[in-house]
Amino acid sequence: MTRLTILRAPCDECPFKGLFDLRPGRLRDIMEQCRRDDSPFVCHKTCEPGGEVSPVWTPGVGVCAGWLEAADQQPYGPPTVIQIARRLDLTEEVSPP
C-alpha cells in the first residue's frame, strides 16, 4: 500500500526555517493557499526536475517538514489528507534529501 511520505526534518534549504529572504508575507501566502486548497506543501527537493510538483502520493515526493510543523500549530491543523493518513497509519517519515 502506498504511504504518504513526510520529511522527518526540514532540509537545509527549507524556507520555513526562516533562513532565506523571501518576499514579505510569502510564507503566510503559502500557508493560506494550502489551507484554502486543503493540500500539503511539497518539499522543493522532492519535486521533479524542472520544478514540476508531483502529487504527494507519488513515491519519492515528500511533504515539507518545515511547512508541516507550521501547519500543525495552526487552529485548523494540517490538510485533511494528512490527518486521515496519520489516523490510518499511512505515513512514512524519511530523511531530507
N, C-alpha and C. Protein backbone atom coordinates (compact mmCIF):
# COMPACT_ATOMS: atom_id res chain seq x y z
N MET A 1 0.85 -1.18 0.00
CA MET A 1 0.00 0.00 0.00
C MET A 1 0.89 1.24 0.00
N THR A 2 0.52 2.22 -0.79
CA THR A 2 1.26 3.47 -0.87
C THR A 2 1.04 4.29 0.39
N ARG A 3 2.11 4.85 0.90
CA ARG A 3 2.05 5.68 2.09
C ARG A 3 2.36 7.13 1.73
N LEU A 4 1.87 8.03 2.54
CA LEU A 4 2.16 9.45 2.37
C LEU A 4 3.54 9.72 2.97
N THR A 5 4.45 10.18 2.15
CA THR A 5 5.82 10.44 2.59
C THR A 5 5.91 11.83 3.20
N ILE A 6 6.45 11.88 4.40
CA ILE A 6 6.65 13.14 5.12
C ILE A 6 8.12 13.22 5.49
N LEU A 7 8.75 14.36 5.19
CA LEU A 7 10.15 14.53 5.56
C LEU A 7 10.26 14.57 7.08
N ARG A 8 11.23 13.88 7.62
CA ARG A 8 11.43 13.76 9.07
C ARG A 8 11.81 15.09 9.70
N ALA A 9 12.55 15.90 8.97
CA ALA A 9 13.04 17.18 9.48
C ALA A 9 13.16 18.14 8.30
N PRO A 10 13.12 19.43 8.57
CA PRO A 10 13.31 20.39 7.47
C PRO A 10 14.70 20.23 6.85
N CYS A 11 14.77 20.36 5.53
CA CYS A 11 16.07 20.30 4.87
C CYS A 11 16.86 21.58 5.16
N ASP A 12 18.11 21.59 4.75
CA ASP A 12 18.96 22.76 5.00
C ASP A 12 18.46 24.02 4.31
N GLU A 13 17.70 23.86 3.23
CA GLU A 13 17.23 25.00 2.45
C GLU A 13 15.74 25.27 2.66
N CYS A 14 15.15 24.71 3.69
CA CYS A 14 13.71 24.87 3.92
C CYS A 14 13.35 26.34 4.17
N PRO A 15 12.44 26.89 3.38
CA PRO A 15 12.06 28.30 3.59
C PRO A 15 11.37 28.53 4.93
N PHE A 16 10.82 27.47 5.52
CA PHE A 16 10.11 27.63 6.79
C PHE A 16 11.06 27.68 8.00
N LYS A 17 12.35 27.51 7.76
CA LYS A 17 13.32 27.67 8.84
C LYS A 17 13.68 29.14 9.05
N GLY A 18 13.23 30.00 8.13
CA GLY A 18 13.46 31.44 8.27
C GLY A 18 14.86 31.89 7.94
N LEU A 19 15.60 31.10 7.21
CA LEU A 19 16.98 31.46 6.89
C LEU A 19 17.13 32.18 5.56
N PHE A 20 16.03 32.25 4.81
CA PHE A 20 16.10 32.82 3.47
C PHE A 20 15.21 34.04 3.37
N ASP A 21 15.61 34.96 2.54
CA ASP A 21 14.84 36.18 2.33
C ASP A 21 13.81 35.95 1.23
N LEU A 22 12.62 35.58 1.63
CA LEU A 22 11.51 35.52 0.69
C LEU A 22 10.82 36.87 0.76
N ARG A 23 10.02 37.17 -0.23
CA ARG A 23 9.31 38.45 -0.18
C ARG A 23 8.42 38.47 1.07
N PRO A 24 8.22 39.64 1.65
CA PRO A 24 7.40 39.73 2.86
C PRO A 24 6.02 39.12 2.64
N GLY A 25 5.61 38.27 3.57
CA GLY A 25 4.29 37.65 3.51
C GLY A 25 4.22 36.37 2.69
N ARG A 26 5.34 35.96 2.04
CA ARG A 26 5.29 34.79 1.17
C ARG A 26 4.96 33.51 1.94
N LEU A 27 5.56 33.31 3.10
CA LEU A 27 5.26 32.10 3.87
C LEU A 27 3.80 32.09 4.31
N ARG A 28 3.30 33.24 4.69
CA ARG A 28 1.88 33.35 5.07
C ARG A 28 0.99 33.02 3.86
N ASP A 29 1.39 33.47 2.68
CA ASP A 29 0.64 33.16 1.45
C ASP A 29 0.62 31.66 1.19
N ILE A 30 1.76 31.01 1.38
CA ILE A 30 1.83 29.56 1.17
C ILE A 30 0.90 28.85 2.14
N MET A 31 0.94 29.24 3.41
CA MET A 31 0.07 28.61 4.42
C MET A 31 -1.40 28.82 4.06
N GLU A 32 -1.75 30.02 3.63
CA GLU A 32 -3.14 30.32 3.29
C GLU A 32 -3.60 29.54 2.06
N GLN A 33 -2.75 29.45 1.06
CA GLN A 33 -3.11 28.71 -0.14
C GLN A 33 -3.31 27.23 0.18
N CYS A 34 -2.43 26.66 0.98
CA CYS A 34 -2.57 25.25 1.36
C CYS A 34 -3.86 25.04 2.16
N ARG A 35 -4.18 25.98 3.05
CA ARG A 35 -5.41 25.85 3.81
C ARG A 35 -6.62 25.96 2.89
N ARG A 36 -6.59 26.93 1.99
CA ARG A 36 -7.70 27.14 1.07
C ARG A 36 -7.90 25.93 0.14
N ASP A 37 -6.79 25.35 -0.34
CA ASP A 37 -6.85 24.20 -1.25
C ASP A 37 -6.95 22.87 -0.50
N ASP A 38 -6.80 22.92 0.83
CA ASP A 38 -6.77 21.71 1.66
C ASP A 38 -5.74 20.72 1.11
N SER A 39 -4.54 21.25 0.86
CA SER A 39 -3.48 20.44 0.27
C SER A 39 -2.16 20.70 0.99
N PRO A 40 -1.29 19.71 1.01
CA PRO A 40 0.02 19.89 1.65
C PRO A 40 1.00 20.62 0.75
N PHE A 41 2.07 21.08 1.35
CA PHE A 41 3.16 21.75 0.64
C PHE A 41 4.27 20.73 0.45
N VAL A 42 4.68 20.52 -0.79
CA VAL A 42 5.69 19.52 -1.13
C VAL A 42 7.08 20.11 -0.95
N CYS A 43 7.97 19.32 -0.36
CA CYS A 43 9.37 19.73 -0.22
C CYS A 43 9.96 19.98 -1.60
N HIS A 44 10.58 21.15 -1.77
CA HIS A 44 11.13 21.51 -3.08
C HIS A 44 12.21 20.54 -3.55
N LYS A 45 12.88 19.88 -2.62
CA LYS A 45 13.92 18.94 -3.01
C LYS A 45 13.36 17.62 -3.53
N THR A 46 12.06 17.39 -3.35
CA THR A 46 11.46 16.16 -3.85
C THR A 46 10.61 16.40 -5.09
N CYS A 47 10.64 17.63 -5.62
CA CYS A 47 9.91 17.94 -6.86
C CYS A 47 10.63 17.28 -8.04
N GLU A 48 9.92 17.16 -9.12
CA GLU A 48 10.52 16.61 -10.34
C GLU A 48 11.53 17.59 -10.91
N PRO A 49 12.49 17.10 -11.70
CA PRO A 49 13.43 18.02 -12.35
C PRO A 49 12.66 19.08 -13.13
N GLY A 50 13.11 20.30 -13.05
CA GLY A 50 12.44 21.40 -13.71
C GLY A 50 11.44 22.10 -12.82
N GLY A 51 11.31 21.60 -11.57
CA GLY A 51 10.44 22.26 -10.61
C GLY A 51 8.99 21.85 -10.65
N GLU A 52 8.63 20.88 -11.49
CA GLU A 52 7.24 20.43 -11.54
C GLU A 52 6.92 19.68 -10.25
N VAL A 53 5.76 19.96 -9.69
CA VAL A 53 5.35 19.31 -8.45
C VAL A 53 4.50 18.09 -8.77
N SER A 54 4.91 16.96 -8.22
CA SER A 54 4.15 15.72 -8.39
C SER A 54 3.12 15.61 -7.28
N PRO A 55 2.08 14.81 -7.49
CA PRO A 55 1.12 14.57 -6.40
C PRO A 55 1.82 13.96 -5.19
N VAL A 56 1.35 14.30 -3.99
CA VAL A 56 2.03 13.84 -2.78
C VAL A 56 1.99 12.33 -2.59
N TRP A 57 1.16 11.62 -3.32
CA TRP A 57 1.12 10.17 -3.20
C TRP A 57 2.09 9.50 -4.16
N THR A 58 2.87 10.27 -4.91
CA THR A 58 3.86 9.72 -5.82
C THR A 58 5.08 9.30 -5.02
N PRO A 59 5.56 8.05 -5.20
CA PRO A 59 6.76 7.63 -4.46
C PRO A 59 7.91 8.60 -4.67
N GLY A 60 8.60 8.93 -3.59
CA GLY A 60 9.74 9.83 -3.66
C GLY A 60 9.41 11.29 -3.40
N VAL A 61 8.13 11.65 -3.48
CA VAL A 61 7.71 13.02 -3.22
C VAL A 61 7.32 13.11 -1.76
N GLY A 62 7.80 14.14 -1.08
CA GLY A 62 7.54 14.25 0.36
C GLY A 62 6.94 15.57 0.78
N VAL A 63 6.15 15.51 1.83
CA VAL A 63 5.58 16.71 2.43
C VAL A 63 6.69 17.43 3.18
N CYS A 64 6.77 18.73 3.00
CA CYS A 64 7.79 19.57 3.63
C CYS A 64 7.63 19.54 5.15
N ALA A 65 8.69 19.16 5.85
CA ALA A 65 8.64 19.06 7.31
C ALA A 65 8.50 20.42 7.97
N GLY A 66 9.16 21.43 7.43
CA GLY A 66 9.05 22.77 8.00
C GLY A 66 7.64 23.31 7.87
N TRP A 67 7.03 23.10 6.70
CA TRP A 67 5.65 23.53 6.49
C TRP A 67 4.71 22.77 7.42
N LEU A 68 4.92 21.45 7.57
CA LEU A 68 4.03 20.65 8.40
C LEU A 68 4.10 21.07 9.87
N GLU A 69 5.29 21.41 10.34
CA GLU A 69 5.42 21.91 11.71
C GLU A 69 4.57 23.17 11.89
N ALA A 70 4.62 24.06 10.90
CA ALA A 70 3.82 25.29 10.97
C ALA A 70 2.33 24.98 10.87
N ALA A 71 1.95 24.06 9.99
CA ALA A 71 0.53 23.70 9.82
C ALA A 71 -0.03 23.04 11.09
N ASP A 72 0.79 22.23 11.75
CA ASP A 72 0.35 21.57 12.98
C ASP A 72 0.04 22.59 14.08
N GLN A 73 0.63 23.76 14.02
CA GLN A 73 0.43 24.79 15.04
C GLN A 73 -0.75 25.71 14.74
N GLN A 74 -1.33 25.58 13.55
CA GLN A 74 -2.46 26.42 13.17
C GLN A 74 -3.75 25.87 13.78
N PRO A 75 -4.74 26.73 14.06
CA PRO A 75 -6.00 26.27 14.63
C PRO A 75 -6.71 25.24 13.75
N TYR A 76 -6.55 25.36 12.44
CA TYR A 76 -7.22 24.45 11.51
C TYR A 76 -6.41 23.18 11.28
N GLY A 77 -5.16 23.15 11.69
CA GLY A 77 -4.31 21.97 11.53
C GLY A 77 -3.91 21.71 10.09
N PRO A 78 -3.28 20.56 9.87
CA PRO A 78 -2.84 20.22 8.52
C PRO A 78 -4.01 19.82 7.62
N PRO A 79 -3.77 19.70 6.33
CA PRO A 79 -4.83 19.32 5.40
C PRO A 79 -5.45 17.96 5.75
N THR A 80 -6.65 17.76 5.26
CA THR A 80 -7.41 16.54 5.53
C THR A 80 -6.64 15.29 5.16
N VAL A 81 -5.96 15.28 4.01
CA VAL A 81 -5.24 14.09 3.57
C VAL A 81 -4.18 13.69 4.60
N ILE A 82 -3.53 14.64 5.22
CA ILE A 82 -2.52 14.32 6.23
C ILE A 82 -3.18 13.82 7.51
N GLN A 83 -4.27 14.45 7.92
CA GLN A 83 -4.97 14.00 9.12
C GLN A 83 -5.44 12.56 8.97
N ILE A 84 -6.02 12.24 7.81
CA ILE A 84 -6.52 10.88 7.57
C ILE A 84 -5.36 9.89 7.51
N ALA A 85 -4.31 10.23 6.77
CA ALA A 85 -3.15 9.33 6.64
C ALA A 85 -2.53 9.05 8.01
N ARG A 86 -2.45 10.07 8.86
CA ARG A 86 -1.90 9.86 10.21
C ARG A 86 -2.80 8.92 11.02
N ARG A 87 -4.10 9.15 10.97
CA ARG A 87 -5.03 8.32 11.76
C ARG A 87 -5.02 6.87 11.30
N LEU A 88 -4.82 6.64 10.01
CA LEU A 88 -4.82 5.28 9.47
C LEU A 88 -3.41 4.69 9.42
N ASP A 89 -2.44 5.39 9.99
CA ASP A 89 -1.05 4.96 9.99
C ASP A 89 -0.55 4.69 8.57
N LEU A 90 -0.86 5.62 7.67
CA LEU A 90 -0.45 5.50 6.27
C LEU A 90 0.60 6.55 5.91
N THR A 91 1.43 6.92 6.88
CA THR A 91 2.51 7.86 6.61
C THR A 91 3.84 7.15 6.79
N GLU A 92 4.84 7.66 6.12
CA GLU A 92 6.21 7.19 6.35
C GLU A 92 7.09 8.41 6.43
N GLU A 93 7.96 8.44 7.40
CA GLU A 93 8.89 9.55 7.55
C GLU A 93 10.22 9.16 6.94
N VAL A 94 10.78 10.07 6.16
CA VAL A 94 12.08 9.85 5.54
C VAL A 94 12.99 11.03 5.83
N SER A 95 14.27 10.79 5.75
CA SER A 95 15.25 11.87 5.96
C SER A 95 15.23 12.81 4.75
N PRO A 96 15.51 14.09 4.99
CA PRO A 96 15.55 15.03 3.86
C PRO A 96 16.61 14.62 2.85
N PRO A 97 16.34 14.90 1.57
CA PRO A 97 17.34 14.57 0.53
C PRO A 97 18.60 15.40 0.69
